[in-house]
Amino acid sequence: MKTSYQIGIIGAGFGGITAALRLKEAGKTDFVIFERSADLGGTWRDNVYPGCACDVPSHLYSFKAAPNPNWSHVFSGQSEIWQYMKTVAQQHQLEQHIVYDANITNAVFLPDEGKWQLTDTSGRTFTVKMVISATGPLNRPSIPPFEGLSSFEGQYFHSAEWDKNCRLEGKKVAVVGTGASAIQIVPQIAPKVSKLFVFQRTPAWIMPRRDRPYTTFEKRLLNMLPPLQTLLRERIYWVSELMGQNFMGNKLFGKLAKWQAMAKLKKEVKNPQTRQKLTPNYTIGCKRVLLSDDYLPTFNRYNVELLTESVSHFTAKGLVTTSGKTVEADVVIFCTGFHAADTIGFDMSIKGLEGKDLIKEWAANGISGYKGITVSGFPNLAFILGPNTGLGHTSVLHMMDSQMNYIMDYLALLEQQTPNAYLNTKLPVQQAYNQQLQAMFAGTVWASGCQSWYLDSHGRNTTLYPRLTVDYRKETRHLNPADFDIVAQ
């Protein structure tokens, strides 16, 4: 097996495939993709819970270089997205670049050689000139350390680690959490179970989804006229950017969004008390806005109960709330999110210049980088969807494309240097960027006072980009060599 490459990509999800497509398009073939599992797909391989689907329209949530005129729905489901990714990999001959079952756990920069040494769990070692980390921000499930959970005699699991062997029919099921996964799971399992308890800490703002299947005529038209699909993608993109004005603090858009969400809630939930429990008391957009047409009506079912008390602890037979109410359950499904703004569960050691440990530095000082792509002290390393590149209104694939524009410039500059050279982001440049970035949150909905998983333990938003994607595209269009120390051996 070859062990030395020009470029090493970590992760074969959307980020890794986006990087590989751009490299091949530029004629760069000396790269490898390290995939920790036995198949590609990332989050779309791992999340197999009932109802799993994307909340971005299919024609925008796809590779720009590999449009798919045959999407079955406006919003595609997990299996269709996963199959699309595998088809793209086959069509573009990416499979030959992927090393499966290669979980990279150690990355050490070798300054004398200007290269990274990567080691996987089986002890295999590889050297690469540049690393592109595309492990994604939402792959470390979070289950709160509830007291007594180990004593619970029923089955329990996180939504991202769905137990396919668990039968829910006729059982008492508790869903803890009401985020993006829960609103897809709850409507799917409610008709199967004898009783469904939904534990809600904070109600979510829920907007219409308006999913529908594409007709045979529409798909035939898109196949016959590829420019029409490009126009459709552009229309979806620009409508999303327009709606993104709400997140930037536009009061008119905010009022319209709130009115629409409240009208939907009033129409779809019959019981006034339940409706009140489902009514948010924070600015729309401060937490993730969710799209669903079947979640709210589920609370009209006789066998579904909404609980707004927190879970105090577990017993052998179920859960106990903070008020002392006991809820018996056969199965508990945790829809409690991921470690996105912290380093908990990050199982890869990354050591850069002077032995700096990236994960320890981020744990101590907060996650940060430069333009969400590079980090000072860790040369020849780029992130896809690194710090502050998440979005609240459109497809992150657009961000990935923007980042690859920048990374291609980085590679071009690196290739102009001597074989052992490296590029290190200047620390003052990175610090100034992050100060400006955090200041940009002022006036946005994310600075309106609510607590969310976007924030780290210091109260800083290290997850989202505080502007529209058109702004990020301009910001990453070209690399400025003056932002880096170019060290030639």
Protein backbone atom coordinates (compact mmCIF):
# COMPACT_ATOMS: atom_id res chain seq x y z
CA MET A 1 0.00 0.00 0.00
CA LYS A 2 1.21 3.49 -0.85
CA THR A 3 2.03 5.47 2.31
CA SER A 4 3.13 8.88 1.02
CA TYR A 5 0.88 11.42 -0.69
CA GLN A 6 0.81 15.09 -1.58
CA ILE A 7 -2.61 15.59 0.06
CA GLY A 8 -4.42 13.60 2.74
CA ILE A 9 -8.16 14.16 3.20
CA ILE A 10 -9.65 12.93 6.48
CA GLY A 11 -13.28 11.92 6.10
CA ALA A 12 -15.34 10.71 3.13
CA GLY A 13 -18.53 12.64 3.83
CA PHE A 14 -19.75 15.67 1.87
CA GLY A 15 -16.68 17.70 2.87
CA GLY A 16 -14.16 15.09 1.85
CA ILE A 17 -15.89 14.39 -1.45
CA THR A 18 -16.16 18.12 -2.20
CA ALA A 19 -12.40 18.43 -1.67
CA ALA A 20 -11.65 15.38 -3.82
CA LEU A 21 -13.84 16.61 -6.69
CA ARG A 22 -12.05 19.97 -6.75
CA LEU A 23 -8.62 18.35 -6.65
CA LYS A 24 -9.45 16.04 -9.55
CA GLU A 25 -10.96 18.93 -11.50
CA ALA A 26 -7.62 20.74 -11.13
CA GLY A 27 -5.70 17.67 -12.30
CA LYS A 28 -4.34 16.84 -8.84
CA THR A 29 -4.49 13.10 -8.33
CA ASP A 30 -1.83 12.45 -5.67
CA PHE A 31 -4.29 12.45 -2.80
CA VAL A 32 -5.85 9.94 -0.43
CA ILE A 33 -9.10 9.99 1.54
CA PHE A 34 -8.93 8.36 4.97
CA GLU A 35 -12.33 7.05 6.00
CA ARG A 36 -12.77 5.61 9.50
CA SER A 37 -15.71 3.38 8.51
CA ALA A 38 -16.20 0.67 5.89
CA ASP A 39 -18.21 2.95 3.61
CA LEU A 40 -18.36 6.62 2.65
CA GLY A 41 -21.15 9.03 3.53
CA GLY A 42 -20.38 10.54 6.92
CA THR A 43 -23.50 11.78 8.67
CA TRP A 44 -25.72 10.40 5.88
CA ARG A 45 -24.30 6.94 6.44
CA ASP A 46 -24.52 7.08 10.22
CA ASN A 47 -27.93 8.65 10.80
CA VAL A 48 -30.52 5.99 9.99
CA TYR A 49 -33.28 7.02 12.38
CA PRO A 50 -36.90 7.01 11.10
CA GLY A 51 -37.70 10.09 9.04
CA CYS A 52 -34.08 11.19 8.64
CA ALA A 53 -33.94 13.76 5.85
CA CYS A 54 -32.23 17.01 4.89
CA ASP A 55 -33.73 20.38 5.79
CA VAL A 56 -32.16 22.04 2.73
CA PRO A 57 -33.81 21.53 -0.69
CA SER A 58 -32.20 18.67 -2.64
CA HIS A 59 -31.13 20.72 -5.65
CA LEU A 60 -29.11 23.01 -3.39
CA TYR A 61 -27.87 20.30 -1.05
CA SER A 62 -25.81 18.62 -3.75
CA PHE A 63 -22.41 18.95 -5.36
CA LYS A 64 -22.32 21.82 -7.83
CA ALA A 65 -20.06 19.70 -10.06
CA ALA A 66 -22.47 16.75 -9.91
CA PRO A 67 -26.08 17.92 -10.27
CA ASN A 68 -28.80 15.31 -9.90
CA PRO A 69 -31.94 15.90 -12.01
CA ASN A 70 -33.64 12.84 -10.52
CA TRP A 71 -34.17 13.86 -6.91
CA SER A 72 -37.43 12.26 -5.81
CA HIS A 73 -38.52 15.04 -3.42
CA VAL A 74 -37.95 18.71 -2.75
CA PHE A 75 -36.29 17.54 0.49
CA SER A 76 -34.57 14.19 0.11
CA GLY A 77 -34.32 11.45 2.68
CA GLN A 78 -31.19 9.87 4.17
CA SER A 79 -31.02 6.80 1.94
CA GLU A 80 -31.39 8.80 -1.27
CA ILE A 81 -28.73 11.32 -0.25
CA TRP A 82 -26.35 8.52 0.76
CA GLN A 83 -26.90 6.73 -2.55
CA TYR A 84 -26.30 10.00 -4.42
CA MET A 85 -22.95 10.42 -2.65
CA LYS A 86 -21.90 6.89 -3.56
CA THR A 87 -22.96 7.40 -7.18
CA VAL A 88 -20.93 10.61 -7.42
CA ALA A 89 -17.87 8.86 -5.97
CA GLN A 90 -18.19 6.08 -8.55
CA GLN A 91 -18.80 8.39 -11.50
CA HIS A 92 -15.75 10.51 -10.65
CA GLN A 93 -13.49 7.55 -9.82
CA LEU A 94 -13.00 8.61 -6.21
CA GLU A 95 -13.24 5.10 -4.76
CA GLN A 96 -9.65 4.37 -5.83
CA HIS A 97 -8.49 7.23 -3.58
CA ILE A 98 -10.32 6.05 -0.44
CA VAL A 99 -8.70 3.97 2.27
CA TYR A 100 -11.53 2.49 4.35
CA ASP A 101 -11.32 1.49 8.01
CA ALA A 102 -8.59 4.09 8.44
CA ASN A 103 -9.47 6.01 11.59
CA ILE A 104 -6.74 8.63 11.88
CA THR A 105 -6.09 9.19 15.58
CA ASN A 106 -2.69 10.92 15.52
CA ALA A 107 -1.45 13.72 13.29
CA VAL A 108 2.05 15.11 13.94
CA PHE A 109 3.67 17.89 11.93
CA LEU A 110 7.30 17.31 10.97
CA PRO A 111 8.77 20.81 10.48
CA ASP A 112 12.09 19.64 9.02
CA GLU A 113 10.24 17.84 6.25
CA GLY A 114 7.30 20.22 5.98
CA LYS A 115 4.95 17.22 6.15
CA TRP A 116 2.35 15.60 8.38
CA GLN A 117 2.68 12.09 9.76
CA LEU A 118 -0.72 10.44 10.19
CA THR A 119 -1.36 7.25 12.16
CA ASP A 120 -4.59 5.26 12.29
CA THR A 121 -5.95 2.95 14.99
CA SER A 122 -4.39 -0.12 13.42
CA GLY A 123 -0.94 1.47 13.58
CA ARG A 124 -0.54 2.25 9.89
CA THR A 125 1.49 5.40 9.24
CA PHE A 126 1.21 7.78 6.30
CA THR A 127 2.99 11.01 5.37
CA VAL A 128 1.31 13.83 3.46
CA LYS A 129 2.41 17.31 2.45
CA MET A 130 -0.96 18.80 3.32
CA VAL A 131 -3.93 17.65 5.38
CA ILE A 132 -7.52 18.58 4.62
CA SER A 133 -9.63 17.67 7.65
CA ALA A 134 -13.24 17.03 6.64
CA THR A 135 -14.50 15.17 9.69
CA GLY A 136 -17.51 17.44 10.07
CA PRO A 137 -18.85 19.33 13.10
CA LEU A 138 -21.78 17.05 14.01
CA ASN A 139 -20.32 13.59 14.52
CA ARG A 140 -19.80 13.49 18.29
CA PRO A 141 -23.17 12.62 19.89
CA SER A 142 -23.89 14.18 23.27
CA ILE A 143 -25.86 12.40 26.00
CA PRO A 144 -26.05 14.33 29.28
CA PRO A 145 -24.62 12.45 32.29
CA PHE A 146 -27.99 11.67 33.86
CA GLU A 147 -27.84 10.15 37.32
CA GLY A 148 -28.92 6.51 37.35
CA LEU A 149 -28.87 6.03 33.57
CA SER A 150 -26.77 2.87 33.92
CA SER A 151 -29.46 1.37 36.16
CA PHE A 152 -32.20 1.78 33.54
CA GLU A 153 -33.35 -1.69 32.51
CA GLY A 154 -34.87 -0.67 29.19
CA GLN A 155 -33.08 0.17 25.94
CA TYR A 156 -31.59 3.59 25.28
CA PHE A 157 -29.53 5.17 22.52
CA HIS A 158 -28.73 8.47 20.80
CA SER A 159 -30.60 9.32 17.61
CA ALA A 160 -27.29 9.31 15.69
CA GLU A 161 -26.59 5.78 16.93
CA TRP A 162 -29.99 4.28 16.17
CA ASP A 163 -30.46 0.71 17.29
CA LYS A 164 -31.95 -1.05 14.25
CA ASN A 165 -32.71 -4.11 16.38
CA CYS A 166 -34.91 -2.16 18.77
CA ARG A 167 -38.61 -2.81 18.16
CA LEU A 168 -40.83 0.10 19.20
CA GLU A 169 -44.24 -1.37 18.37
CA GLY A 170 -46.53 -1.33 21.38
CA LYS A 171 -43.90 0.05 23.74
CA LYS A 172 -43.72 3.07 26.02
CA VAL A 173 -41.08 5.36 24.51
CA ALA A 174 -39.51 8.56 25.82
CA VAL A 175 -37.82 11.00 23.46
CA VAL A 176 -35.50 13.39 25.29
CA GLY A 177 -34.92 16.57 23.31
CA THR A 178 -36.87 18.41 20.62
CA GLY A 179 -34.24 19.47 18.11
CA ALA A 180 -33.74 18.77 14.41
CA SER A 181 -33.62 14.97 14.79
CA ALA A 182 -36.51 14.72 17.24
CA ILE A 183 -38.96 16.57 15.02
CA GLN A 184 -38.32 13.97 12.30
CA ILE A 185 -38.40 10.95 14.62
CA VAL A 186 -41.48 11.79 16.71
CA PRO A 187 -44.06 11.82 13.85
CA GLN A 188 -42.65 8.54 12.49
CA ILE A 189 -42.77 6.51 15.68
CA ALA A 190 -45.92 7.97 17.30
CA PRO A 191 -48.34 5.69 15.37
CA LYS A 192 -46.32 2.58 16.36
CA VAL A 193 -45.88 3.01 20.10
CA SER A 194 -48.41 2.56 22.89
CA LYS A 195 -47.30 5.77 24.61
CA LEU A 196 -44.86 8.48 23.57
CA PHE A 197 -43.41 10.95 26.07
CA VAL A 198 -41.62 13.92 24.51
CA PHE A 199 -39.32 15.78 26.91
CA GLN A 200 -38.90 19.38 25.82
CA ARG A 201 -36.42 21.72 27.49
CA THR A 202 -37.01 24.69 25.19
CA PRO A 203 -39.65 24.94 22.45
CA ALA A 204 -38.38 25.44 18.91
CA TRP A 205 -39.51 27.84 16.24
CA ILE A 206 -40.97 25.60 13.53
CA MET A 207 -41.58 26.76 9.98
CA PRO A 208 -43.45 25.05 7.11
CA ARG A 209 -41.39 22.44 5.25
CA ARG A 210 -43.57 22.13 2.14
CA ASP A 211 -42.00 18.91 0.95
CA ARG A 212 -43.47 17.17 -2.07
CA PRO A 213 -42.39 14.61 -4.65
CA TYR A 214 -41.08 15.83 -7.98
CA THR A 215 -43.29 14.74 -10.85
CA THR A 216 -42.07 12.53 -13.69
CA PHE A 217 -42.52 15.48 -16.04
CA GLU A 218 -40.36 17.75 -13.85
CA LYS A 219 -37.54 15.21 -13.67
CA ARG A 220 -37.72 14.57 -17.42
CA LEU A 221 -37.52 18.30 -18.06
CA LEU A 222 -34.48 18.71 -15.81
CA ASN A 223 -32.77 15.79 -17.58
CA MET A 224 -33.45 17.28 -21.00
CA LEU A 225 -32.49 20.84 -20.07
CA PRO A 226 -29.52 20.93 -17.66
CA PRO A 227 -29.49 24.79 -17.63
CA LEU A 228 -32.97 24.60 -16.12
CA GLN A 229 -31.60 22.68 -13.15
CA THR A 230 -28.88 25.31 -12.74
CA LEU A 231 -31.58 28.01 -12.70
CA LEU A 232 -33.58 26.03 -10.13
CA ARG A 233 -30.53 25.72 -7.90
CA GLU A 234 -29.82 29.44 -8.21
CA ARG A 235 -33.41 30.34 -7.40
CA ILE A 236 -33.37 28.21 -4.24
CA TYR A 237 -30.01 29.70 -3.25
CA TRP A 238 -31.02 33.34 -3.64
CA VAL A 239 -34.38 32.86 -1.90
CA SER A 240 -32.45 31.29 1.00
CA GLU A 241 -30.03 34.23 1.08
CA LEU A 242 -32.98 36.62 1.15
CA MET A 243 -34.55 34.72 4.04
CA GLY A 244 -31.18 34.86 5.77
CA GLN A 245 -31.79 38.56 6.36
CA ASN A 246 -33.90 37.51 9.36
CA PHE A 247 -30.80 36.06 11.04
CA MET A 248 -28.84 39.22 10.36
CA GLY A 249 -31.34 41.17 12.46
CA ASN A 250 -33.72 42.50 9.80
CA LYS A 251 -36.79 43.30 11.89
CA LEU A 252 -39.30 43.10 9.04
CA PHE A 253 -38.14 39.62 8.02
CA GLY A 254 -38.09 38.63 11.69
CA LYS A 255 -41.70 39.73 12.20
CA LEU A 256 -42.85 37.93 9.07
CA ALA A 257 -41.09 34.73 10.12
CA LYS A 258 -42.56 34.88 13.63
CA TRP A 259 -46.05 35.52 12.28
CA GLN A 260 -45.79 32.54 9.95
CA ALA A 261 -44.51 30.22 12.69
CA MET A 262 -47.20 31.31 15.18
CA ALA A 263 -49.97 30.91 12.59
CA LYS A 264 -48.71 27.43 11.85
CA LEU A 265 -48.63 26.51 15.56
CA LYS A 266 -52.19 27.80 16.11
CA LYS A 267 -53.50 25.91 13.10
CA GLU A 268 -51.80 22.58 13.80
CA VAL A 269 -52.08 22.14 17.61
CA LYS A 270 -55.62 21.91 18.95
CA ASN A 271 -55.07 21.98 22.73
CA PRO A 272 -54.42 25.53 24.03
CA GLN A 273 -52.27 24.31 26.95
CA THR A 274 -50.11 22.19 24.67
CA ARG A 275 -49.89 25.07 22.22
CA GLN A 276 -48.64 27.32 24.99
CA LYS A 277 -45.95 24.81 25.94
CA LEU A 278 -44.82 24.75 22.31
CA THR A 279 -44.58 28.54 22.05
CA PRO A 280 -40.99 29.87 22.15
CA ASN A 281 -40.15 32.97 24.21
CA TYR A 282 -36.94 33.96 22.44
CA THR A 283 -36.10 35.68 19.15
CA ILE A 284 -36.76 33.48 16.15
CA GLY A 285 -33.45 32.23 14.78
CA CYS A 286 -31.49 32.55 18.03
CA LYS A 287 -31.68 28.76 18.22
CA ARG A 288 -31.90 26.58 15.14
CA VAL A 289 -35.14 27.13 13.21
CA LEU A 290 -36.74 23.79 12.31
CA LEU A 291 -38.80 22.79 9.28
CA SER A 292 -41.65 20.32 9.63
CA ASP A 293 -45.22 19.76 8.47
CA ASP A 294 -45.98 16.73 10.66
CA TYR A 295 -44.29 17.33 14.03
CA LEU A 296 -46.76 19.74 15.62
CA PRO A 297 -49.90 17.77 14.62
CA THR A 298 -48.41 14.73 16.40
CA PHE A 299 -49.30 16.37 19.72
CA ASN A 300 -52.98 16.00 18.87
CA ARG A 301 -52.64 12.24 19.17
CA TYR A 302 -54.14 10.48 22.20
CA ASN A 303 -50.93 8.57 22.94
CA VAL A 304 -48.47 11.49 22.82
CA GLU A 305 -47.64 13.57 25.90
CA LEU A 306 -45.45 16.69 25.95
CA LEU A 307 -43.42 17.14 29.15
CA THR A 308 -41.65 20.42 29.83
CA GLU A 309 -40.01 19.46 33.10
CA SER A 310 -36.34 18.52 33.06
CA VAL A 311 -35.18 14.96 33.68
CA SER A 312 -33.82 14.66 37.23
CA HIS A 313 -32.60 11.09 37.12
CA PHE A 314 -33.26 7.58 35.87
CA THR A 315 -34.55 4.54 37.69
CA ALA A 316 -34.67 0.92 36.60
CA LYS A 317 -38.12 1.44 35.08
CA GLY A 318 -37.90 4.93 33.62
CA LEU A 319 -37.29 8.63 34.19
CA VAL A 320 -38.04 10.97 37.07
CA THR A 321 -38.63 14.68 36.43
CA THR A 322 -37.44 17.54 38.61
CA SER A 323 -40.92 17.78 40.16
CA GLY A 324 -40.80 14.11 41.15
CA LYS A 325 -43.06 12.74 38.43
CA THR A 326 -42.16 9.19 37.39
CA VAL A 327 -42.41 8.29 33.72
CA GLU A 328 -42.20 4.58 32.96
CA ALA A 329 -40.52 3.75 29.67
CA ASP A 330 -39.35 0.70 27.76
CA VAL A 331 -37.12 2.68 25.40
CA VAL A 332 -35.43 6.08 25.72
CA ILE A 333 -34.23 7.91 22.62
CA PHE A 334 -31.81 10.76 23.24
CA CYS A 335 -32.16 13.58 20.71
CA THR A 336 -29.76 15.67 22.73
CA GLY A 337 -27.50 16.96 19.97
CA PHE A 338 -23.77 16.93 19.46
CA HIS A 339 -20.56 18.39 20.82
CA ALA A 340 -20.23 21.18 18.24
CA ALA A 341 -18.79 24.07 20.25
CA ASP A 342 -16.42 22.04 22.44
CA THR A 343 -13.75 19.35 22.08
CA ILE A 344 -15.43 16.59 24.10
CA GLY A 345 -15.24 13.28 22.27
CA PHE A 346 -12.69 14.52 19.74
CA ASP A 347 -10.55 11.42 19.38
CA MET A 348 -7.77 12.70 17.12
CA SER A 349 -4.54 14.16 18.50
CA ILE A 350 -3.18 16.98 16.31
CA LYS A 351 0.30 18.26 17.16
CA GLY A 352 1.81 21.17 15.27
CA LEU A 353 4.81 23.44 15.65
CA GLU A 354 6.75 23.22 18.93
CA GLY A 355 4.57 20.28 19.99
CA LYS A 356 1.40 22.39 20.26
CA ASP A 357 -1.66 20.22 20.81
CA LEU A 358 -4.61 21.66 18.90
CA ILE A 359 -7.36 19.95 20.88
CA LYS A 360 -5.82 20.99 24.22
CA GLU A 361 -5.43 24.58 22.98
CA TRP A 362 -9.04 24.66 21.80
CA ALA A 363 -10.24 23.11 25.08
CA ALA A 364 -8.42 25.79 27.08
CA ASN A 365 -9.04 28.86 24.93
CA GLY A 366 -12.08 28.05 22.81
CA ILE A 367 -12.29 26.77 19.25
CA SER A 368 -11.03 29.29 16.71
CA GLY A 369 -9.24 29.48 13.40
CA TYR A 370 -8.63 31.76 10.46
CA LYS A 371 -11.61 32.01 8.12
CA GLY A 372 -12.68 28.62 9.48
CA ILE A 373 -9.95 26.98 7.41
CA THR A 374 -6.45 27.30 8.90
CA VAL A 375 -5.06 27.56 12.44
CA SER A 376 -1.88 29.33 13.50
CA GLY A 377 0.80 26.91 14.68
CA PHE A 378 -0.53 24.09 12.51
CA PRO A 379 0.93 24.57 9.02
CA ASN A 380 -0.23 22.81 5.87
CA LEU A 381 -3.50 21.92 7.58
CA ALA A 382 -6.92 23.05 6.35
CA PHE A 383 -10.39 22.39 7.71
CA ILE A 384 -13.61 21.92 5.78
CA LEU A 385 -16.38 23.38 7.96
CA GLY A 386 -13.94 24.48 10.65
CA PRO A 387 -14.76 27.04 13.37
CA ASN A 388 -17.47 29.60 12.60
CA THR A 389 -18.57 28.20 9.26
CA GLY A 390 -21.99 26.81 10.22
CA LEU A 391 -25.18 28.35 8.84
CA GLY A 392 -28.74 28.92 9.93
CA HIS A 393 -30.40 29.57 6.59
CA THR A 394 -28.90 27.66 3.66
CA SER A 395 -26.68 24.82 2.45
CA VAL A 396 -23.27 24.32 4.04
CA LEU A 397 -22.14 22.85 0.71
CA HIS A 398 -21.87 26.43 -0.51
CA MET A 399 -19.46 27.10 2.35
CA MET A 400 -17.46 24.01 1.40
CA ASP A 401 -17.14 25.26 -2.17
CA SER A 402 -15.92 28.64 -0.89
CA GLN A 403 -13.39 26.98 1.37
CA MET A 404 -12.05 24.90 -1.49
CA ASN A 405 -11.48 28.10 -3.50
CA TYR A 406 -9.23 29.23 -0.67
CA ILE A 407 -7.57 25.84 -0.19
CA MET A 408 -6.73 25.61 -3.89
CA ASP A 409 -4.97 28.98 -3.59
CA TYR A 410 -3.16 27.65 -0.50
CA LEU A 411 -1.98 24.60 -2.43
CA ALA A 412 -0.83 26.73 -5.37
CA LEU A 413 1.24 28.96 -3.07
CA LEU A 414 2.67 25.93 -1.26
CA GLU A 415 3.68 24.28 -4.52
CA GLN A 416 5.68 27.39 -5.48
CA GLN A 417 7.96 26.86 -2.50
CA THR A 418 10.79 24.40 -1.88
CA PRO A 419 9.78 20.74 -1.28
CA ASN A 420 10.10 21.00 2.52
CA ALA A 421 8.42 24.41 2.93
CA TYR A 422 5.27 25.13 4.90
CA LEU A 423 2.76 27.95 5.35
CA ASN A 424 1.83 29.02 8.86
CA THR A 425 -1.02 31.43 9.56
CA LYS A 426 0.29 34.45 11.45
CA LEU A 427 -1.14 34.50 14.97
CA PRO A 428 -1.89 38.28 15.03
CA VAL A 429 -3.79 37.88 11.74
CA GLN A 430 -5.88 35.05 13.21
CA GLN A 431 -6.54 36.95 16.44
CA ALA A 432 -7.61 40.10 14.61
CA TYR A 433 -9.92 38.06 12.38
CA ASN A 434 -11.64 36.43 15.35
CA GLN A 435 -12.07 39.72 17.19
CA GLN A 436 -13.75 41.15 14.11
CA LEU A 437 -15.81 37.98 13.63
CA GLN A 438 -17.18 37.99 17.18
CA ALA A 439 -17.99 41.71 16.86
CA MET A 440 -20.06 40.90 13.76
CA PHE A 441 -22.54 38.92 15.88
CA ALA A 442 -23.79 42.18 17.40
CA GLY A 443 -27.23 42.93 16.02
CA THR A 444 -27.84 39.38 14.78
CA VAL A 445 -30.48 37.08 16.24
CA TRP A 446 -27.72 34.94 17.76
CA ALA A 447 -26.79 37.81 20.07
CA SER A 448 -30.35 38.27 21.35
CA GLY A 449 -29.76 36.45 24.62
CA CYS A 450 -30.81 32.82 24.29
CA GLN A 451 -28.62 29.85 25.19
CA SER A 452 -27.88 27.44 22.37
CA TRP A 453 -25.46 24.74 21.26
CA TYR A 454 -23.85 27.38 19.05
CA LEU A 455 -22.11 28.85 22.12
CA ASP A 456 -19.04 27.53 23.91
CA SER A 457 -18.38 27.58 27.66
CA HIS A 458 -17.03 31.14 27.34
CA GLY A 459 -20.30 32.33 25.80
CA ARG A 460 -18.73 32.83 22.37
CA ASN A 461 -20.40 31.66 19.21
CA THR A 462 -17.73 29.43 17.66
CA THR A 463 -20.14 27.53 15.44
CA LEU A 464 -21.81 29.95 13.03
CA TYR A 465 -20.71 32.45 10.41
CA PRO A 466 -22.43 35.76 11.30
CA ARG A 467 -23.09 36.90 7.74
CA LEU A 468 -24.55 35.60 4.48
CA THR A 469 -22.77 33.07 2.30
CA VAL A 470 -22.15 35.71 -0.40
CA ASP A 471 -19.98 37.53 2.14
CA TYR A 472 -18.03 34.37 2.95
CA ARG A 473 -17.55 33.64 -0.75
CA LYS A 474 -15.93 37.06 -1.19
CA GLU A 475 -13.83 36.56 1.92
CA THR A 476 -12.41 33.25 0.72
CA ARG A 477 -12.16 33.93 -3.01
CA HIS A 478 -8.40 34.39 -2.81
CA LEU A 479 -5.64 33.79 -0.29
CA ASN A 480 -3.45 36.70 0.78
CA PRO A 481 0.16 35.43 1.07
CA ALA A 482 0.89 38.21 3.59
CA ASP A 483 -1.37 36.39 6.10
CA PHE A 484 1.15 33.56 6.32
CA ASP A 485 4.73 32.96 7.38
CA ILE A 486 6.31 31.05 4.50
CA VAL A 487 9.02 28.87 5.99
CA ALA A 488 11.42 27.34 3.45
CA GLN A 489 13.82 24.63 4.57
